Protein backbone atom coordinates (compact mmCIF):
# COMPACT_ATOMS: atom_id res chain seq x y z
CA MET A 1 0.00 0.00 0.00
CA LYS A 2 1.28 3.43 -0.93
CA ASN A 3 2.23 5.50 2.12
CA ASN A 4 0.38 8.83 2.13
CA PRO A 5 0.68 10.11 5.70
CA THR A 6 -1.77 12.68 6.97
CA SER A 7 -0.62 16.24 7.62
CA ASN A 8 -3.22 16.63 10.38
CA LYS A 9 -1.35 15.73 13.56
CA TRP A 10 -4.53 15.71 15.68
CA PHE A 11 -6.06 13.12 13.37
CA ALA A 12 -2.82 11.16 13.63
CA LEU A 13 -3.09 11.41 17.43
CA THR A 14 -6.54 9.80 17.23
CA ILE A 15 -4.98 6.83 15.43
CA VAL A 16 -2.08 6.68 17.88
CA LEU A 17 -4.45 6.58 20.88
CA THR A 18 -6.05 3.33 19.70
CA ALA A 19 -3.10 1.47 21.28
CA PRO A 20 -3.60 2.61 24.92
CA LEU A 21 -7.38 2.44 24.38
CA LEU A 22 -7.34 -1.25 23.43
CA TYR A 23 -4.65 -2.12 25.97
CA VAL A 24 -6.50 -0.65 28.96
CA ILE A 25 -9.91 -1.92 27.83
CA ASP A 26 -8.50 -5.46 27.80
CA ILE A 27 -7.38 -5.07 31.42
CA PHE A 28 -10.72 -3.87 32.79
CA ILE A 29 -13.01 -5.88 30.53
CA ILE A 30 -11.67 -9.16 31.95
CA ASN A 31 -12.80 -8.37 35.50
CA MET A 32 -16.43 -8.32 34.43
CA ALA A 33 -16.06 -11.66 32.62
CA ILE A 34 -14.21 -13.73 35.25
CA PRO A 35 -17.14 -15.99 36.27
CA GLY A 36 -18.15 -16.52 32.63
CA ILE A 37 -14.61 -17.32 31.50
CA GLN A 38 -14.09 -19.68 34.43
CA GLN A 39 -17.16 -21.69 33.45
CA GLY A 40 -16.41 -21.50 29.73
CA VAL A 41 -12.92 -23.00 29.84
CA HIS A 42 -13.36 -24.90 33.15
CA ALA A 43 -10.55 -22.94 34.77
CA THR A 44 -9.41 -23.19 38.37
CA ASN A 45 -9.06 -20.07 40.51
CA GLY A 46 -5.30 -20.08 39.98
CA GLU A 47 -5.74 -20.29 36.22
CA MET A 48 -8.12 -17.34 36.36
CA GLN A 49 -5.47 -15.32 38.16
CA LEU A 50 -3.13 -16.10 35.28
CA VAL A 51 -5.66 -14.82 32.74
CA ILE A 52 -5.02 -11.34 34.16
CA ALA A 53 -1.44 -11.77 35.43
CA GLY A 54 -0.24 -13.40 32.21
CA TYR A 55 -1.39 -10.43 30.14
CA LEU A 56 0.40 -8.02 32.45
CA LEU A 57 3.48 -10.25 32.54
CA GLY A 58 3.71 -10.38 28.74
CA SER A 59 3.44 -6.60 28.60
CA ALA A 60 6.00 -6.01 31.38
CA SER A 61 8.59 -8.34 29.85
CA LEU A 62 8.88 -6.44 26.56
CA LEU A 63 7.82 -2.84 27.28
CA ILE A 64 11.35 -1.47 27.30
CA ILE A 65 12.51 -3.52 24.32
CA GLY A 66 9.30 -2.54 22.50
CA GLY A 67 10.23 1.11 22.86
CA ARG A 68 13.76 0.41 21.63
CA ALA A 69 12.37 -1.56 18.65
CA GLY A 70 10.56 1.55 17.49
CA ASP A 71 13.82 3.50 17.58
CA TYR A 72 15.76 0.94 15.56
CA LEU A 73 13.14 -0.43 13.15
CA GLY A 74 10.84 2.57 12.77
CA LYS A 75 7.93 3.44 15.03
CA LYS A 76 5.29 3.00 12.32
CA LYS A 77 6.48 -0.49 11.40
CA VAL A 78 6.59 -1.70 15.02
CA PHE A 79 3.24 -0.02 15.81
CA LEU A 80 1.64 -1.67 12.77
CA TRP A 81 2.89 -5.16 13.61
CA GLY A 82 2.02 -4.70 17.26
CA MET A 83 -1.58 -3.86 16.32
CA ILE A 84 -1.80 -6.81 13.90
CA LEU A 85 -0.49 -9.25 16.51
CA PHE A 86 -2.73 -7.79 19.22
CA THR A 87 -5.78 -8.31 17.00
CA LEU A 88 -4.79 -11.88 16.09
CA THR A 89 -4.00 -12.92 19.66
CA SER A 90 -7.28 -11.37 20.85
CA CYS A 91 -9.17 -13.60 18.41
CA CYS A 92 -7.14 -16.62 19.53
CA CYS A 93 -8.16 -15.83 23.13
CA GLY A 94 -11.81 -15.83 22.04
CA LEU A 95 -11.37 -19.21 20.30
CA SER A 96 -9.64 -20.87 23.29
CA GLN A 97 -11.15 -24.13 24.51
CA THR A 98 -8.98 -24.71 27.57
CA ALA A 99 -7.46 -22.59 30.30
CA MET A 100 -3.95 -23.38 29.05
CA GLN A 101 -4.79 -22.14 25.55
CA LEU A 102 -6.35 -18.97 26.94
CA ASN A 103 -3.46 -18.18 29.27
CA SER A 104 -0.90 -18.77 26.52
CA MET A 105 -2.72 -16.42 24.16
CA ARG A 106 -3.21 -13.81 26.89
CA PHE A 107 0.55 -13.78 27.48
CA PHE A 108 1.22 -13.17 23.78
CA GLN A 109 -1.54 -10.59 23.69
CA GLY A 110 0.39 -8.75 26.41
CA VAL A 111 3.62 -9.12 24.42
CA SER A 112 1.95 -7.57 21.35
CA SER A 113 0.69 -4.66 23.46
CA ALA A 114 4.28 -4.02 24.53
CA LEU A 115 5.14 -3.45 20.88
CA MET A 116 2.39 -0.92 20.16
CA VAL A 117 1.86 1.05 23.40
CA PRO A 118 5.39 2.54 23.66
CA GLN A 119 5.05 3.77 20.06
CA SER A 120 1.93 5.75 20.98
CA ILE A 121 3.89 7.68 23.62
CA ALA A 122 6.83 8.14 21.27
CA TYR A 123 4.58 9.44 18.47
CA ILE A 124 3.38 12.24 20.75
CA GLN A 125 6.97 13.48 20.91
CA VAL A 126 7.35 13.19 17.14
CA LEU A 127 4.02 14.82 16.20
CA PHE A 128 3.96 17.62 18.77
CA THR A 129 7.13 19.67 19.03
CA ASP A 130 5.43 22.70 20.60
CA SER A 131 5.38 22.33 24.40
CA LYS A 132 1.79 23.59 24.79
CA GLU A 133 0.46 21.30 22.07
CA ARG A 134 2.42 18.40 23.52
CA ALA A 135 0.92 19.02 26.96
CA LYS A 136 -2.55 19.03 25.40
CA ALA A 137 -1.81 15.79 23.53
CA ILE A 138 -0.61 14.18 26.77
CA GLY A 139 -3.86 15.31 28.37
CA TRP A 140 -5.76 13.44 25.67
CA TYR A 141 -3.55 10.41 26.31
CA GLY A 142 -4.51 10.48 30.01
CA ALA A 143 -8.18 11.02 29.16
CA THR A 144 -8.02 8.00 26.84
CA LEU A 145 -6.86 5.82 29.72
CA SER A 146 -9.80 6.96 31.84
CA ILE A 147 -12.30 6.54 29.00
CA ALA A 148 -10.90 3.06 28.29
CA ALA A 149 -11.48 2.10 31.93
CA ILE A 150 -15.13 3.20 31.68
CA ILE A 151 -15.62 1.40 28.37
CA GLY A 152 -13.97 -1.76 29.70
CA GLN A 153 -16.18 -1.99 32.79
CA ILE A 154 -19.49 -1.36 31.02
CA LEU A 155 -18.73 -3.09 27.71
CA GLY A 156 -17.42 -6.15 29.54
CA GLY A 157 -20.60 -6.48 31.59
CA TRP A 158 -22.84 -5.99 28.55
CA LEU A 159 -20.96 -8.42 26.29
CA VAL A 160 -20.78 -11.20 28.89
CA ASP A 161 -24.58 -11.04 29.28
CA THR A 162 -25.03 -11.09 25.50
CA HIS A 163 -25.59 -14.56 24.05
CA LEU A 164 -25.45 -14.70 20.27
CA ILE A 165 -23.77 -17.41 18.20
CA VAL A 166 -20.98 -17.78 20.77
CA ALA A 167 -20.79 -17.44 24.54
CA GLY A 168 -20.82 -13.85 25.76
CA TRP A 169 -17.37 -14.00 27.38
CA ARG A 170 -15.79 -14.79 24.00
CA LEU A 171 -17.15 -11.53 22.60
CA ILE A 172 -14.93 -9.50 24.92
CA PHE A 173 -12.00 -10.73 22.82
CA PHE A 174 -13.68 -10.75 19.41
CA ILE A 175 -14.71 -7.09 19.84
CA ASN A 176 -11.04 -6.21 19.21
CA LEU A 177 -11.26 -7.60 15.65
CA PRO A 178 -13.17 -4.75 13.93
CA VAL A 179 -11.30 -2.10 15.95
CA GLY A 180 -7.95 -3.74 15.21
CA ILE A 181 -8.65 -4.01 11.47
CA ALA A 182 -9.69 -0.34 11.27
CA ALA A 183 -6.67 0.76 13.33
CA THR A 184 -4.27 -1.34 11.22
CA TRP A 185 -5.59 0.24 8.01
CA ALA A 186 -5.36 3.75 9.50
CA ILE A 187 -1.79 3.20 10.75
CA ALA A 188 -0.64 1.94 7.36
CA ARG A 189 -2.49 4.66 5.45
CA PHE A 190 -2.04 7.81 7.49
CA LEU A 191 0.82 7.64 10.01
CA PRO A 192 4.26 8.89 8.93
CA GLU A 193 7.33 6.72 9.43
CA THR A 194 9.98 8.04 11.81
CA ASN A 195 13.74 8.26 11.56
CA ARG A 196 15.61 5.19 12.73
CA VAL A 197 18.50 4.90 15.14
CA THR A 198 21.40 3.26 13.31
CA THR A 199 23.88 2.94 16.17
CA GLY A 200 23.92 0.32 18.91
CA THR A 201 22.09 -3.01 19.11
CA PHE A 202 19.17 -4.56 20.95
CA ASP A 203 19.80 -6.04 24.37
CA TYR A 204 18.08 -9.30 23.48
CA THR A 205 19.75 -11.23 26.29
CA GLY A 206 18.67 -8.64 28.87
CA ALA A 207 15.06 -8.91 27.72
CA GLY A 208 15.25 -12.70 27.85
CA ILE A 209 16.69 -12.72 31.36
CA LEU A 210 14.04 -10.26 32.59
CA THR A 211 11.20 -12.29 31.06
CA THR A 212 12.56 -15.54 32.52
CA GLY A 213 12.80 -14.02 35.98
CA LEU A 214 9.27 -12.64 35.87
CA ILE A 215 7.79 -15.97 34.71
CA CYS A 216 9.70 -17.88 37.40
CA LEU A 217 8.21 -15.53 40.01
CA ILE A 218 4.61 -14.98 38.84
CA TYR A 219 3.67 -18.49 37.67
CA PRO A 220 4.51 -20.36 40.91
CA LEU A 221 2.86 -17.64 42.99
CA THR A 222 -0.47 -18.42 41.30
CA LYS A 223 -0.32 -22.15 40.53
CA GLY A 224 1.84 -23.04 43.54
CA ARG A 225 -0.74 -21.76 46.04
CA GLU A 226 -3.48 -23.75 44.37
CA LEU A 227 -1.43 -26.98 44.39
CA GLY A 228 -0.26 -26.67 47.99
CA TRP A 229 3.19 -25.22 47.24
CA PRO A 230 4.91 -28.23 45.62
CA ALA A 231 8.72 -28.30 45.53
CA TRP A 232 8.91 -27.04 41.93
CA SER A 233 7.08 -23.83 42.85
CA ILE A 234 9.56 -23.04 45.62
CA TRP A 235 12.52 -23.81 43.36
CA LEU A 236 11.14 -21.58 40.62
CA MET A 237 10.76 -18.64 43.01
CA LEU A 238 14.33 -19.16 44.24
CA LEU A 239 15.43 -19.33 40.59
CA SER A 240 13.73 -15.98 39.98
CA LEU A 241 15.90 -14.38 42.68
CA PHE A 242 19.00 -15.83 41.06
CA THR A 243 17.82 -14.64 37.64
CA PHE A 244 17.21 -11.06 38.80
CA THR A 245 20.63 -11.02 40.48
CA TYR A 246 22.21 -12.23 37.25
CA LEU A 247 20.27 -9.55 35.32
CA TRP A 248 21.76 -6.86 37.56
CA ILE A 249 25.30 -8.17 36.97
CA ASP A 250 24.67 -8.50 33.23
CA GLN A 251 23.35 -4.94 32.90
CA LYS A 252 26.23 -3.54 34.95
CA LYS A 253 28.83 -5.26 32.76
CA LYS A 254 27.19 -4.02 29.55
CA LYS A 255 27.23 -0.46 30.82
CA GLN A 256 30.89 -0.75 31.79
CA HIS A 257 31.71 -1.98 28.26
CA LEU A 258 29.83 1.02 26.77
CA LYS A 259 27.03 -1.15 25.38
CA ILE A 260 23.35 -0.18 25.56
CA PRO A 261 21.77 -2.25 28.35
CA LEU A 262 18.07 -2.93 28.74
CA LEU A 263 18.11 -1.14 32.10
CA ASP A 264 20.33 1.76 33.09
CA ILE A 265 21.38 0.74 36.60
CA SER A 266 22.49 4.32 37.31
CA LEU A 267 18.82 5.03 37.98
CA PHE A 268 18.82 2.69 40.95
CA THR A 269 21.50 4.70 42.73
CA MET A 270 18.96 7.53 43.17
CA LYS A 271 17.16 7.28 46.51
CA GLU A 272 14.08 9.21 45.39
CA PHE A 273 13.62 6.99 42.34
CA ASN A 274 13.90 3.82 44.41
CA LEU A 275 11.35 5.12 46.92
CA GLY A 276 9.06 6.06 44.05
CA LEU A 277 9.28 2.57 42.57
CA LEU A 278 8.38 1.08 45.97
CA ALA A 279 5.30 3.33 46.06
CA VAL A 280 4.42 2.11 42.56
CA LEU A 281 4.89 -1.51 43.67
CA PHE A 282 2.51 -1.36 46.63
CA HIS A 283 -0.06 0.91 44.97
CA PHE A 284 -0.47 -1.13 41.80
CA MET A 285 -0.51 -4.38 43.76
CA MET A 286 -3.37 -2.93 45.80
CA HIS A 287 -5.21 -1.41 42.83
CA THR A 288 -5.23 -4.41 40.49
CA ALA A 289 -6.07 -6.88 43.26
CA TYR A 290 -8.97 -4.72 44.45
CA LEU A 291 -10.53 -4.58 40.99
CA LEU A 292 -10.31 -8.37 40.77
CA MET A 293 -11.73 -9.04 44.24
CA ILE A 294 -14.62 -6.59 44.10
CA ALA A 295 -15.71 -7.85 40.67
CA VAL A 296 -15.74 -11.47 41.85
CA TYR A 297 -17.46 -10.56 45.13
CA LEU A 298 -20.23 -8.62 43.40
CA GLN A 299 -20.93 -11.38 40.89
CA ASP A 300 -20.30 -14.59 42.84
CA GLY A 301 -20.95 -13.24 46.33
CA LEU A 302 -23.90 -10.88 45.76
CA HIS A 303 -25.07 -12.69 42.59
CA LEU A 304 -25.15 -9.62 40.38
CA SER A 305 -25.16 -10.09 36.62
CA ALA A 306 -22.06 -9.04 34.70
CA LEU A 307 -23.90 -6.02 33.30
CA GLU A 308 -25.10 -4.94 36.76
CA CYS A 309 -21.54 -5.33 38.04
CA GLY A 310 -20.23 -3.15 35.23
CA MET A 311 -22.75 -0.43 36.03
CA TYR A 312 -21.60 -0.44 39.66
CA PHE A 313 -18.25 0.90 38.39
CA LEU A 314 -19.69 3.79 36.37
CA LEU A 315 -19.50 6.32 39.25
CA HIS A 316 -15.99 5.08 40.05
CA ALA A 317 -14.78 5.70 36.49
CA VAL A 318 -16.38 9.15 36.22
CA LEU A 319 -14.97 10.35 39.56
CA PHE A 320 -11.57 8.89 38.70
CA MET A 321 -11.50 10.88 35.45
CA ILE A 322 -12.52 14.13 37.18
CA THR A 323 -10.01 13.94 40.03
CA SER A 324 -7.18 12.77 37.78
CA MET A 325 -7.58 15.93 35.69
CA LEU A 326 -7.83 18.04 38.84
CA ALA A 327 -4.75 16.41 40.37
CA GLY A 328 -2.75 17.21 37.26
CA LYS A 329 -3.31 20.91 37.97
CA LEU A 330 -2.63 20.63 41.71
CA ILE A 331 0.54 18.51 41.61
CA PRO A 332 2.88 21.34 40.45
CA ARG A 333 1.79 23.41 43.46
CA TYR A 334 1.15 20.90 46.24
CA GLY A 335 3.26 17.91 45.14
CA LYS A 336 2.98 14.69 47.10
CA ARG A 337 0.33 16.14 49.44
CA VAL A 338 -2.21 15.61 46.65
CA LEU A 339 -1.34 11.91 46.56
CA LEU A 340 -1.40 11.60 50.35
CA ALA A 341 -4.90 13.11 50.40
CA GLY A 342 -5.96 10.57 47.78
CA ILE A 343 -4.51 7.73 49.87
CA MET A 344 -6.56 8.87 52.88
CA ILE A 345 -9.74 8.89 50.78
CA ILE A 346 -9.02 5.35 49.52
CA LEU A 347 -8.32 4.17 53.07
CA PHE A 348 -11.64 5.66 54.20
CA SER A 349 -13.42 3.79 51.40
CA PHE A 350 -11.69 0.48 52.20
CA LEU A 351 -12.42 0.63 55.92
CA LEU A 352 -16.10 1.32 55.26
CA GLN A 353 -16.27 -1.53 52.75
CA VAL A 354 -14.82 -3.97 55.29
CA LYS A 355 -17.27 -2.75 57.97
CA ILE A 356 -20.47 -2.32 55.94
CA TYR A 357 -20.50 -5.03 53.27
CA HIS A 358 -22.81 -7.96 53.94
CA PRO A 359 -25.33 -9.92 51.81
CA GLN A 360 -28.40 -7.93 53.04
CA MET A 361 -26.93 -4.45 52.69
CA GLN A 362 -28.52 -1.74 50.59
CA ARG A 363 -27.10 -2.05 47.08
CA TRP A 364 -26.27 1.65 46.83
CA TRP A 365 -23.47 1.13 49.38
CA PRO A 366 -21.10 -0.66 46.95
CA ILE A 367 -21.86 1.89 44.22
CA ALA A 368 -21.04 4.78 46.57
CA LEU A 369 -17.94 3.25 48.16
CA ILE A 370 -16.48 2.03 44.87
CA GLY A 371 -17.09 5.58 43.65
CA VAL A 372 -15.20 7.01 46.65
CA TYR A 373 -12.33 4.67 45.76
CA GLY A 374 -12.29 6.11 42.25
CA LEU A 375 -12.34 9.62 43.72
CA GLY A 376 -9.22 8.95 45.78
CA ASN A 377 -7.42 6.83 43.21
CA GLY A 378 -7.76 9.54 40.57
CA MET A 379 -5.61 11.73 42.82
CA VAL A 380 -2.92 9.04 43.11
CA LEU A 381 -2.57 6.65 40.21
CA PRO A 382 -2.10 9.04 37.23
CA SER A 383 0.21 11.31 39.25
CA LEU A 384 2.63 8.63 40.46
CA LEU A 385 4.67 8.95 37.25
CA THR A 386 5.10 12.68 37.83
CA ILE A 387 6.21 12.20 41.44
CA VAL A 388 8.61 9.36 40.63
CA LEU A 389 10.27 11.19 37.72
CA ARG A 390 10.34 14.64 39.26
CA SER A 391 13.86 14.30 40.70
CA ILE A 392 15.25 12.40 37.69
CA PRO A 393 17.72 14.28 35.44
CA VAL A 394 16.18 14.96 32.04
CA LYS A 395 18.77 12.78 30.27
CA PHE A 396 17.44 9.73 32.17
CA ALA A 397 13.74 10.57 31.76
CA GLY A 398 13.04 8.31 28.78
CA THR A 399 14.76 5.29 30.35
CA ALA A 400 13.12 6.01 33.72
CA SER A 401 9.68 6.10 32.08
CA GLY A 402 10.32 2.66 30.58
CA VAL A 403 11.45 1.26 33.93
CA PHE A 404 8.40 2.83 35.60
CA SER A 405 6.01 1.21 33.10
CA THR A 406 7.69 -2.20 33.43
CA PHE A 407 7.61 -1.98 37.22
CA GLN A 408 3.95 -0.92 37.12
CA GLN A 409 2.89 -3.95 35.07
CA THR A 410 4.99 -6.30 37.20
CA ALA A 411 3.46 -4.87 40.38
CA SER A 412 -0.03 -5.39 38.96
CA ALA A 413 0.78 -9.02 38.16
CA LEU A 414 2.16 -9.50 41.69
CA GLY A 415 -1.03 -8.01 43.14
CA ILE A 416 -3.13 -10.54 41.24
CA SER A 417 -0.82 -13.36 42.32
CA ILE A 418 -0.22 -12.46 45.99
CA ILE A 419 -3.26 -10.50 47.21
CA GLY A 420 -5.55 -12.28 44.77
CA GLY A 421 -4.01 -15.49 46.11
CA VAL A 422 -5.09 -14.55 49.65
CA PHE A 423 -8.62 -13.92 48.35
CA TYR A 424 -8.87 -17.22 46.47
CA HIS A 425 -7.19 -19.16 49.29
CA MET A 426 -9.97 -18.11 51.66
CA ILE A 427 -12.52 -19.32 49.11
CA ASP A 428 -10.78 -22.65 48.49
CA ILE A 429 -10.33 -23.67 52.14
CA GLN A 430 -14.03 -23.41 53.00
CA PRO A 431 -16.52 -26.24 52.29
CA HIS A 432 -19.01 -23.61 51.15
CA PRO A 433 -17.23 -20.56 49.74
CA ASP A 434 -17.85 -17.40 51.76
CA TYR A 435 -16.99 -14.59 49.38
CA LEU A 436 -17.46 -11.94 52.06
CA ILE A 437 -14.78 -13.47 54.32
CA ALA A 438 -12.48 -13.87 51.32
CA PHE A 439 -13.07 -10.25 50.27
CA LYS A 440 -12.36 -8.89 53.75
CA SER A 441 -9.18 -11.00 53.99
CA GLY A 442 -7.96 -9.65 50.68
CA MET A 443 -8.90 -6.13 51.72
CA ALA A 444 -6.74 -6.47 54.84
CA ALA A 445 -3.76 -7.09 52.55
CA ASP A 446 -4.84 -4.15 50.36
CA ILE A 447 -5.01 -1.84 53.38
CA ALA A 448 -1.50 -2.93 54.42
CA CYS A 449 -0.23 -2.04 50.92
CA LEU A 450 -2.02 1.30 51.11
CA ILE A 451 -0.34 2.14 54.43
CA MET A 452 3.03 1.29 52.89
CA VAL A 453 2.34 3.67 50.00
CA ALA A 454 1.50 6.48 52.46
CA ILE A 455 4.70 5.89 54.45
CA ILE A 456 6.86 5.86 51.29
CA LEU A 457 5.26 9.03 49.92
CA TRP A 458 5.80 10.72 53.27
CA LEU A 459 9.51 9.80 53.10
CA LEU A 460 9.92 11.24 49.60
CA PRO A 461 11.75 14.59 49.79
CA VAL A 462 10.10 17.76 48.53
CA PRO A 463 11.81 18.78 45.25
CA VAL A 464 13.76 22.01 45.07
CA ASN A 465 12.05 23.10 41.85
CA ASP A 466 8.86 22.19 40.02
CA ASP A 467 9.65 21.43 36.42
CA SER A 468 6.76 20.75 34.10
CA PRO A 469 5.69 17.14 34.63
CA GLU A 470 4.84 16.79 30.95
CA THR A 471 8.31 17.89 29.89
CA ILE A 472 10.05 15.58 32.35
CA ALA A 473 7.95 12.56 31.46
CA LEU A 474 8.47 12.78 27.71
CA GLU A 475 11.71 14.69 27.24
């Protein structure tokens, strides 16, 4: 096809934003479909954890290398192939007959997202050279993430309750087909190709070591719990520690020999950055696990339909979008105090949920308290990147953003595996599953994570100056 790129950069931005839109939708849409998927492929609770964790693991393992691929091979080419593979693997997920097939395809769906999502961020830098226009484009990027969350919750509930030729849960994957085809055509037809980096090489071995370590950690955390912690699960987790240690040594040697490592270990000598990553770890563990637990509790515990469950999250999504935009304006002036206020609001919501939830409660309670969670989380989650990168020298900002994104996805997978494991363990050990007890047990772990986030944010030093968060994040 002849390349005739559009000269309208805002139209090009619309095409670029299809990547984060599809990626985030496929995180949230799964939560609404968990009971349906579990019945459809006869999956165990541990295998259902992997449906979510595997997707995040595939994304985390190649996010950094995906960004580098765009530099070396051309952002348009990598974006195009990422979108094609994402569409194909989505369809394969919808065609899966067993839990193993589904989890394998979900992992590769995550891998394909790691090829296309970094290009969307990079294209904003390429298309928008004016700082004001770039800030506006970043605002649309953030709004897309919020809109995708809303779409995922509601669309997932509606599709799961829709029974056409195939089971409703399969439609949550097949819906990506028409969007993916349209996006693929638009990318090929309208996006310009970018200049390529001709110096240096890929750190293939670094990416392989990182992926191996993550798999050796995440897989036994989910399947090991379900099987009573057999010896292989313990050995795999010990192997993951060895693998991560070897990765550190490998990256250090490559930097000393003036090669381009996957990770720049100089970042990890900065106290503020390390504290920020710990805040990311505990917050995303808490966040992803909560979305899993509340969706399962509402559907299996309170016997809501998938569509009703999705509607329970509408207030949450709207309030999240409003406060995330408000926080973006307050962060330059008030800094981490905005995030600490959000943490207190989330803690208030969690404590009330633990105290008030019971089978005979008024149904407006979950709607209101999930909404309060969205209110607080909108002040925290989108602004963590700004806080973590604020003290990072501009020359490290691109690498730091990649490390942040990888750490975020890994933390989410750990939340599903560890806190979700607590939740499912409490279900599995009872003769008659009590979803309320399981939910409150998981929430205790979530509250502990939340307290850790508050302590870490409190320890973060106040920066000397307030550079533009948009400039720092994308410079």
